[in-house]
Amino acid sequence: MHKGFYDGILKQQAQKRSRDATKASVLLISGCMDNQTSSDGAFNGLFTGTLLRVWNGGKFRGSYMKFWKQISQRMPPKKTQ
């Protein structure tokens, strides 16, 4: 559905050098643990909305870990449901 949008992001990222020391070709971040459920937001899920605010239209600068930590800090305390 949004293939062109995501292909553009991948192309931009392929042109940049990674600042992470991670050797993985794919990293996964998730909105909840296996024993939890994700929370909805007004447009996106709570996690996706928070991720987008941290990403700030591509202005975020930092490592994967810094990105993950900033998202986590803005999320409510984790609740197992």
PDB file of N, CA and C in Angstrom:
ATOM      1  N   MET A   1       0.818  -1.195   0.000  1.00  0.00           N
ATOM      2  CA  MET A   1       0.000   0.000   0.000  1.00  0.00           C
ATOM      3  C   MET A   1       0.865   1.263   0.000  1.00  0.00           C
ATOM      4  N   HIS A   2       1.929   1.292   0.791  1.00  0.00           N
ATOM      5  CA  HIS A   2       2.809   2.452   0.867  1.00  0.00           C
ATOM      6  C   HIS A   2       4.232   2.082   0.432  1.00  0.00           C
ATOM      7  N   LYS A   3       4.331   1.165  -0.528  1.00  0.00           N
ATOM      8  CA  LYS A   3       5.615   0.626  -0.951  1.00  0.00           C
ATOM      9  C   LYS A   3       6.593   1.720  -1.374  1.00  0.00           C
ATOM     10  N   GLY A   4       6.144   2.666  -2.162  1.00  0.00           N
ATOM     11  CA  GLY A   4       7.011   3.739  -2.625  1.00  0.00           C
ATOM     12  C   GLY A   4       7.603   4.546  -1.481  1.00  0.00           C
ATOM     13  N   PHE A   5       6.782   4.833  -0.478  1.00  0.00           N
ATOM     14  CA  PHE A   5       7.239   5.585   0.693  1.00  0.00           C
ATOM     15  C   PHE A   5       8.356   4.839   1.409  1.00  0.00           C
ATOM     16  N   TYR A   6       8.121   3.541   1.689  1.00  0.00           N
ATOM     17  CA  TYR A   6       9.109   2.759   2.427  1.00  0.00           C
ATOM     18  C   TYR A   6      10.345   2.459   1.584  1.00  0.00           C
ATOM     19  N   ASP A   7      10.174   2.261   0.285  1.00  0.00           N
ATOM     20  CA  ASP A   7      11.336   2.061  -0.587  1.00  0.00           C
ATOM     21  C   ASP A   7      12.230   3.297  -0.577  1.00  0.00           C
ATOM     22  N   GLY A   8      11.620   4.475  -0.527  1.00  0.00           N
ATOM     23  CA  GLY A   8      12.400   5.718  -0.453  1.00  0.00           C
ATOM     24  C   GLY A   8      13.210   5.815   0.830  1.00  0.00           C
ATOM     25  N   ILE A   9      12.599   5.416   1.939  1.00  0.00           N
ATOM     26  CA  ILE A   9      13.311   5.422   3.224  1.00  0.00           C
ATOM     27  C   ILE A   9      14.488   4.454   3.173  1.00  0.00           C
ATOM     28  N   LEU A  10      14.246   3.256   2.654  1.00  0.00           N
ATOM     29  CA  LEU A  10      15.325   2.269   2.564  1.00  0.00           C
ATOM     30  C   LEU A  10      16.465   2.763   1.683  1.00  0.00           C
ATOM     31  N   LYS A  11      16.138   3.423   0.601  1.00  0.00           N
ATOM     32  CA  LYS A  11      17.169   3.954  -0.305  1.00  0.00           C
ATOM     33  C   LYS A  11      18.003   5.022   0.399  1.00  0.00           C
ATOM     34  N   GLN A  12      17.342   5.911   1.137  1.00  0.00           N
ATOM     35  CA  GLN A  12      18.064   6.950   1.876  1.00  0.00           C
ATOM     36  C   GLN A  12      18.984   6.334   2.919  1.00  0.00           C
ATOM     37  N   GLN A  13      18.483   5.343   3.640  1.00  0.00           N
ATOM     38  CA  GLN A  13      19.284   4.710   4.681  1.00  0.00           C
ATOM     39  C   GLN A  13      20.466   3.956   4.100  1.00  0.00           C
ATOM     40  N   ALA A  14      20.293   3.356   2.939  1.00  0.00           N
ATOM     41  CA  ALA A  14      21.385   2.617   2.306  1.00  0.00           C
ATOM     42  C   ALA A  14      22.519   3.556   1.916  1.00  0.00           C
ATOM     43  N   GLN A  15      22.200   4.818   1.686  1.00  0.00           N
ATOM     44  CA  GLN A  15      23.208   5.789   1.288  1.00  0.00           C
ATOM     45  C   GLN A  15      23.961   6.380   2.485  1.00  0.00           C
ATOM     46  N   LYS A  16      23.422   6.204   3.674  1.00  0.00           N
ATOM     47  CA  LYS A  16      24.059   6.737   4.882  1.00  0.00           C
ATOM     48  C   LYS A  16      24.905   5.664   5.538  1.00  0.00           C
ATOM     49  N   ARG A  17      25.950   6.070   6.194  1.00  0.00           N
ATOM     50  CA  ARG A  17      26.748   5.123   6.967  1.00  0.00           C
ATOM     51  C   ARG A  17      26.076   4.931   8.313  1.00  0.00           C
ATOM     52  N   SER A  18      26.066   3.704   8.760  1.00  0.00           N
ATOM     53  CA  SER A  18      25.458   3.391  10.049  1.00  0.00           C
ATOM     54  C   SER A  18      26.341   3.905  11.176  1.00  0.00           C
ATOM     55  N   ARG A  19      25.722   4.485  12.177  1.00  0.00           N
ATOM     56  CA  ARG A  19      26.459   4.942  13.362  1.00  0.00           C
ATOM     57  C   ARG A  19      26.454   3.869  14.441  1.00  0.00           C
ATOM     58  N   ASP A  20      25.675   2.828  14.233  1.00  0.00           N
ATOM     59  CA  ASP A  20      25.577   1.751  15.210  1.00  0.00           C
ATOM     60  C   ASP A  20      26.680   0.734  15.005  1.00  0.00           C
ATOM     61  N   ALA A  21      27.089   0.113  16.072  1.00  0.00           N
ATOM     62  CA  ALA A  21      28.061  -0.976  15.993  1.00  0.00           C
ATOM     63  C   ALA A  21      27.356  -2.305  15.768  1.00  0.00           C
ATOM     64  N   THR A  22      26.053  -2.272  15.626  1.00  0.00           N
ATOM     65  CA  THR A  22      25.264  -3.483  15.449  1.00  0.00           C
ATOM     66  C   THR A  22      25.603  -4.138  14.124  1.00  0.00           C
ATOM     67  N   LYS A  23      25.819  -5.433  14.172  1.00  0.00           N
ATOM     68  CA  LYS A  23      26.155  -6.179  12.968  1.00  0.00           C
ATOM     69  C   LYS A  23      24.923  -6.792  12.304  1.00  0.00           C
ATOM     70  N   ALA A  24      23.771  -6.642  12.901  1.00  0.00           N
ATOM     71  CA  ALA A  24      22.544  -7.226  12.355  1.00  0.00           C
ATOM     72  C   ALA A  24      22.121  -6.482  11.095  1.00  0.00           C
ATOM     73  N   SER A  25      21.477  -7.196  10.194  1.00  0.00           N
ATOM     74  CA  SER A  25      20.954  -6.547   8.998  1.00  0.00           C
ATOM     75  C   SER A  25      19.522  -6.057   9.219  1.00  0.00           C
ATOM     76  N   VAL A  26      18.889  -6.585  10.263  1.00  0.00           N
ATOM     77  CA  VAL A  26      17.520  -6.192  10.595  1.00  0.00           C
ATOM     78  C   VAL A  26      17.416  -6.058  12.109  1.00  0.00           C
ATOM     79  N   LEU A  27      16.787  -4.997  12.573  1.00  0.00           N
ATOM     80  CA  LEU A  27      16.528  -4.805  14.000  1.00  0.00           C
ATOM     81  C   LEU A  27      15.022  -4.717  14.189  1.00  0.00           C
ATOM     82  N   LEU A  28      14.536  -5.301  15.257  1.00  0.00           N
ATOM     83  CA  LEU A  28      13.106  -5.300  15.541  1.00  0.00           C
ATOM     84  C   LEU A  28      12.842  -4.511  16.812  1.00  0.00           C
ATOM     85  N   ILE A  29      11.920  -3.588  16.723  1.00  0.00           N
ATOM     86  CA  ILE A  29      11.413  -2.932  17.924  1.00  0.00           C
ATOM     87  C   ILE A  29       9.912  -3.145  17.910  1.00  0.00           C
ATOM     88  N   SER A  30       9.355  -3.384  19.068  1.00  0.00           N
ATOM     89  CA  SER A  30       7.954  -3.765  19.158  1.00  0.00           C
ATOM     90  C   SER A  30       7.234  -2.912  20.194  1.00  0.00           C
ATOM     91  N   GLY A  31       5.938  -2.783  20.017  1.00  0.00           N
ATOM     92  CA  GLY A  31       5.121  -1.995  20.920  1.00  0.00           C
ATOM     93  C   GLY A  31       4.793  -2.678  22.228  1.00  0.00           C
ATOM     94  N   CYS A  32       5.053  -3.975  22.325  1.00  0.00           N
ATOM     95  CA  CYS A  32       4.752  -4.683  23.559  1.00  0.00           C
ATOM     96  C   CYS A  32       5.518  -6.003  23.621  1.00  0.00           C
ATOM     97  N   MET A  33       5.547  -6.569  24.808  1.00  0.00           N
ATOM     98  CA  MET A  33       6.150  -7.878  25.010  1.00  0.00           C
ATOM     99  C   MET A  33       5.154  -8.948  24.562  1.00  0.00           C
ATOM    100  N   ASP A  34       5.621 -10.183  24.443  1.00  0.00           N
ATOM    101  CA  ASP A  34       4.748 -11.278  24.008  1.00  0.00           C
ATOM    102  C   ASP A  34       3.550 -11.477  24.922  1.00  0.00           C
ATOM    103  N   ASN A  35       3.712 -11.189  26.208  1.00  0.00           N
ATOM    104  CA  ASN A  35       2.617 -11.402  27.155  1.00  0.00           C
ATOM    105  C   ASN A  35       1.800 -10.126  27.396  1.00  0.00           C
ATOM    106  N   GLN A  36       1.926  -9.142  26.532  1.00  0.00           N
ATOM    107  CA  GLN A  36       1.206  -7.876  26.663  1.00  0.00           C
ATOM    108  C   GLN A  36       0.418  -7.581  25.395  1.00  0.00           C
ATOM    109  N   THR A  37      -0.449  -6.596  25.472  1.00  0.00           N
ATOM    110  CA  THR A  37      -1.150  -6.113  24.290  1.00  0.00           C
ATOM    111  C   THR A  37      -0.761  -4.659  24.056  1.00  0.00           C
ATOM    112  N   SER A  38      -0.754  -4.248  22.800  1.00  0.00           N
ATOM    113  CA  SER A  38      -0.416  -2.870  22.451  1.00  0.00           C
ATOM    114  C   SER A  38      -1.590  -1.948  22.744  1.00  0.00           C
ATOM    115  N   SER A  39      -1.286  -0.681  22.960  1.00  0.00           N
ATOM    116  CA  SER A  39      -2.322   0.323  23.211  1.00  0.00           C
ATOM    117  C   SER A  39      -2.616   1.097  21.937  1.00  0.00           C
ATOM    118  N   ASP A  40      -3.879   1.418  21.747  1.00  0.00           N
ATOM    119  CA  ASP A  40      -4.270   2.215  20.589  1.00  0.00           C
ATOM    120  C   ASP A  40      -4.043   3.689  20.859  1.00  0.00           C
ATOM    121  N   GLY A  41      -3.835   4.427  19.792  1.00  0.00           N
ATOM    122  CA  GLY A  41      -3.754   5.879  19.853  1.00  0.00           C
ATOM    123  C   GLY A  41      -4.842   6.452  18.965  1.00  0.00           C
ATOM    124  N   ALA A  42      -4.841   7.759  18.785  1.00  0.00           N
ATOM    125  CA  ALA A  42      -5.874   8.404  17.976  1.00  0.00           C
ATOM    126  C   ALA A  42      -5.756   8.042  16.498  1.00  0.00           C
ATOM    127  N   PHE A  43      -4.535   7.947  15.984  1.00  0.00           N
ATOM    128  CA  PHE A  43      -4.320   7.635  14.565  1.00  0.00           C
ATOM    129  C   PHE A  43      -3.519   6.353  14.416  1.00  0.00           C
ATOM    130  N   ASN A  44      -2.362   6.311  15.061  1.00  0.00           N
ATOM    131  CA  ASN A  44      -1.527   5.112  15.111  1.00  0.00           C
ATOM    132  C   ASN A  44      -1.673   4.486  16.485  1.00  0.00           C
ATOM    133  N   GLY A  45      -1.031   3.335  16.669  1.00  0.00           N
ATOM    134  CA  GLY A  45      -0.940   2.783  18.002  1.00  0.00           C
ATOM    135  C   GLY A  45      -0.075   3.698  18.857  1.00  0.00           C
ATOM    136  N   LEU A  46      -0.142   3.535  20.160  1.00  0.00           N
ATOM    137  CA  LEU A  46       0.627   4.374  21.074  1.00  0.00           C
ATOM    138  C   LEU A  46       2.127   4.292  20.780  1.00  0.00           C
ATOM    139  N   PHE A  47       2.625   3.085  20.568  1.00  0.00           N
ATOM    140  CA  PHE A  47       4.048   2.908  20.288  1.00  0.00           C
ATOM    141  C   PHE A  47       4.452   3.592  18.977  1.00  0.00           C
ATOM    142  N   THR A  48       3.683   3.363  17.922  1.00  0.00           N
ATOM    143  CA  THR A  48       4.009   3.962  16.622  1.00  0.00           C
ATOM    144  C   THR A  48       3.966   5.480  16.705  1.00  0.00           C
ATOM    145  N   GLY A  49       2.966   6.028  17.370  1.00  0.00           N
ATOM    146  CA  GLY A  49       2.884   7.477  17.526  1.00  0.00           C
ATOM    147  C   GLY A  49       4.079   8.031  18.284  1.00  0.00           C
ATOM    148  N   THR A  50       4.492   7.328  19.330  1.00  0.00           N
ATOM    149  CA  THR A  50       5.654   7.758  20.113  1.00  0.00           C
ATOM    150  C   THR A  50       6.925   7.666  19.277  1.00  0.00           C
ATOM    151  N   LEU A  51       7.077   6.565  18.542  1.00  0.00           N
ATOM    152  CA  LEU A  51       8.233   6.398  17.655  1.00  0.00           C
ATOM    153  C   LEU A  51       8.308   7.541  16.650  1.00  0.00           C
ATOM    154  N   LEU A  52       7.192   7.898  16.059  1.00  0.00           N
ATOM    155  CA  LEU A  52       7.182   8.973  15.069  1.00  0.00           C
ATOM    156  C   LEU A  52       7.556  10.320  15.685  1.00  0.00           C
ATOM    157  N   ARG A  53       7.132  10.564  16.914  1.00  0.00           N
ATOM    158  CA  ARG A  53       7.512  11.824  17.576  1.00  0.00           C
ATOM    159  C   ARG A  53       9.020  11.863  17.826  1.00  0.00           C
ATOM    160  N   VAL A  54       9.586  10.754  18.260  1.00  0.00           N
ATOM    161  CA  VAL A  54      11.031  10.698  18.497  1.00  0.00           C
ATOM    162  C   VAL A  54      11.779  10.814  17.168  1.00  0.00           C
ATOM    163  N   TRP A  55      11.313  10.130  16.146  1.00  0.00           N
ATOM    164  CA  TRP A  55      11.947  10.164  14.815  1.00  0.00           C
ATOM    165  C   TRP A  55      11.935  11.583  14.260  1.00  0.00           C
ATOM    166  N   ASN A  56      10.885  12.348  14.556  1.00  0.00           N
ATOM    167  CA  ASN A  56      10.778  13.766  14.222  1.00  0.00           C
ATOM    168  C   ASN A  56      11.027  14.038  12.738  1.00  0.00           C
ATOM    169  N   GLY A  57      10.346  13.279  11.894  1.00  0.00           N
ATOM    170  CA  GLY A  57      10.466  13.504  10.456  1.00  0.00           C
ATOM    171  C   GLY A  57      11.857  13.235   9.908  1.00  0.00           C
ATOM    172  N   GLY A  58      12.630  12.397  10.583  1.00  0.00           N
ATOM    173  CA  GLY A  58      13.983  12.071  10.134  1.00  0.00           C
ATOM    174  C   GLY A  58      15.064  12.934  10.755  1.00  0.00           C
ATOM    175  N   LYS A  59      14.688  13.823  11.668  1.00  0.00           N
ATOM    176  CA  LYS A  59      15.676  14.702  12.301  1.00  0.00           C
ATOM    177  C   LYS A  59      16.411  14.034  13.457  1.00  0.00           C
ATOM    178  N   PHE A  60      15.920  12.873  13.910  1.00  0.00           N
ATOM    179  CA  PHE A  60      16.589  12.170  14.998  1.00  0.00           C
ATOM    180  C   PHE A  60      18.005  11.809  14.583  1.00  0.00           C
ATOM    181  N   ARG A  61      18.946  12.028  15.488  1.00  0.00           N
ATOM    182  CA  ARG A  61      20.343  11.650  15.261  1.00  0.00           C
ATOM    183  C   ARG A  61      20.798  10.834  16.453  1.00  0.00           C
ATOM    184  N   GLY A  62      21.348   9.700  16.203  1.00  0.00           N
ATOM    185  CA  GLY A  62      21.831   8.872  17.295  1.00  0.00           C
ATOM    186  C   GLY A  62      21.790   7.411  16.916  1.00  0.00           C
ATOM    187  N   SER A  63      22.181   6.593  17.840  1.00  0.00           N
ATOM    188  CA  SER A  63      22.252   5.155  17.624  1.00  0.00           C
ATOM    189  C   SER A  63      20.873   4.515  17.772  1.00  0.00           C
ATOM    190  N   TYR A  64      20.803   3.266  17.396  1.00  0.00           N
ATOM    191  CA  TYR A  64      19.583   2.488  17.599  1.00  0.00           C
ATOM    192  C   TYR A  64      19.214   2.471  19.080  1.00  0.00           C
ATOM    193  N   MET A  65      20.217   2.240  19.942  1.00  0.00           N
ATOM    194  CA  MET A  65      19.941   2.171  21.383  1.00  0.00           C
ATOM    195  C   MET A  65      19.398   3.500  21.912  1.00  0.00           C
ATOM    196  N   LYS A  66      19.954   4.599  21.452  1.00  0.00           N
ATOM    197  CA  LYS A  66      19.471   5.915  21.884  1.00  0.00           C
ATOM    198  C   LYS A  66      18.027   6.122  21.408  1.00  0.00           C
ATOM    199  N   PHE A  67      17.760   5.702  20.183  1.00  0.00           N
ATOM    200  CA  PHE A  67      16.404   5.802  19.625  1.00  0.00           C
ATOM    201  C   PHE A  67      15.429   4.998  20.483  1.00  0.00           C
ATOM    202  N   TRP A  68      15.778   3.743  20.754  1.00  0.00           N
ATOM    203  CA  TRP A  68      14.937   2.864  21.560  1.00  0.00           C
ATOM    204  C   TRP A  68      14.713   3.438  22.957  1.00  0.00           C
ATOM    205  N   LYS A  69      15.780   3.955  23.585  1.00  0.00           N
ATOM    206  CA  LYS A  69      15.661   4.510  24.939  1.00  0.00           C
ATOM    207  C   LYS A  69      14.749   5.731  24.963  1.00  0.00           C
ATOM    208  N   GLN A  70      14.872   6.607  23.963  1.00  0.00           N
ATOM    209  CA  GLN A  70      14.021   7.799  23.944  1.00  0.00           C
ATOM    210  C   GLN A  70      12.549   7.424  23.745  1.00  0.00           C
ATOM    211  N   ILE A  71      12.297   6.419  22.935  1.00  0.00           N
ATOM    212  CA  ILE A  71      10.916   5.942  22.770  1.00  0.00           C
ATOM    213  C   ILE A  71      10.415   5.373  24.092  1.00  0.00           C
ATOM    214  N   SER A  72      11.216   4.504  24.702  1.00  0.00           N
ATOM    215  CA  SER A  72      10.825   3.850  25.962  1.00  0.00           C
ATOM    216  C   SER A  72      10.543   4.857  27.066  1.00  0.00           C
ATOM    217  N   GLN A  73      11.340   5.915  27.147  1.00  0.00           N
ATOM    218  CA  GLN A  73      11.168   6.923  28.191  1.00  0.00           C
ATOM    219  C   GLN A  73       9.864   7.689  28.035  1.00  0.00           C
ATOM    220  N   ARG A  74       9.339   7.766  26.828  1.00  0.00           N
ATOM    221  CA  ARG A  74       8.091   8.503  26.585  1.00  0.00           C
ATOM    222  C   ARG A  74       6.846   7.620  26.704  1.00  0.00           C
ATOM    223  N   MET A  75       7.047   6.333  26.836  1.00  0.00           N
ATOM    224  CA  MET A  75       5.927   5.406  26.955  1.00  0.00           C
ATOM    225  C   MET A  75       5.497   5.292  28.416  1.00  0.00           C
ATOM    226  N   PRO A  76       4.212   5.000  28.660  1.00  0.00           N
ATOM    227  CA  PRO A  76       3.770   4.800  30.050  1.00  0.00           C
ATOM    228  C   PRO A  76       4.425   3.547  30.629  1.00  0.00           C
ATOM    229  N   PRO A  77       4.435   3.423  31.950  1.00  0.00           N
ATOM    230  CA  PRO A  77       5.004   2.203  32.558  1.00  0.00           C
ATOM    231  C   PRO A  77       4.338   0.960  31.951  1.00  0.00           C
ATOM    232  N   LYS A  78       5.140  -0.034  31.744  1.00  0.00           N
ATOM    233  CA  LYS A  78       4.625  -1.259  31.123  1.00  0.00           C
ATOM    234  C   LYS A  78       3.653  -1.970  32.064  1.00  0.00           C
ATOM    235  N   LYS A  79       2.525  -2.397  31.514  1.00  0.00           N
ATOM    236  CA  LYS A  79       1.534  -3.137  32.285  1.00  0.00           C
ATOM    237  C   LYS A  79       1.284  -4.454  31.570  1.00  0.00           C
ATOM    238  N   THR A  80       1.397  -5.536  32.278  1.00  0.00           N
ATOM    239  CA  THR A  80       1.037  -6.832  31.698  1.00  0.00           C
ATOM    240  C   THR A  80      -0.464  -6.974  31.791  1.00  0.00           C
ATOM    241  N   GLN A  81      -1.082  -7.307  30.685  1.00  0.00           N
ATOM    242  CA  GLN A  81      -2.545  -7.425  30.651  1.00  0.00           C
ATOM    243  C   GLN A  81      -2.961  -8.857  30.495  1.00  0.00           C
TER     244      GLN A  81
END
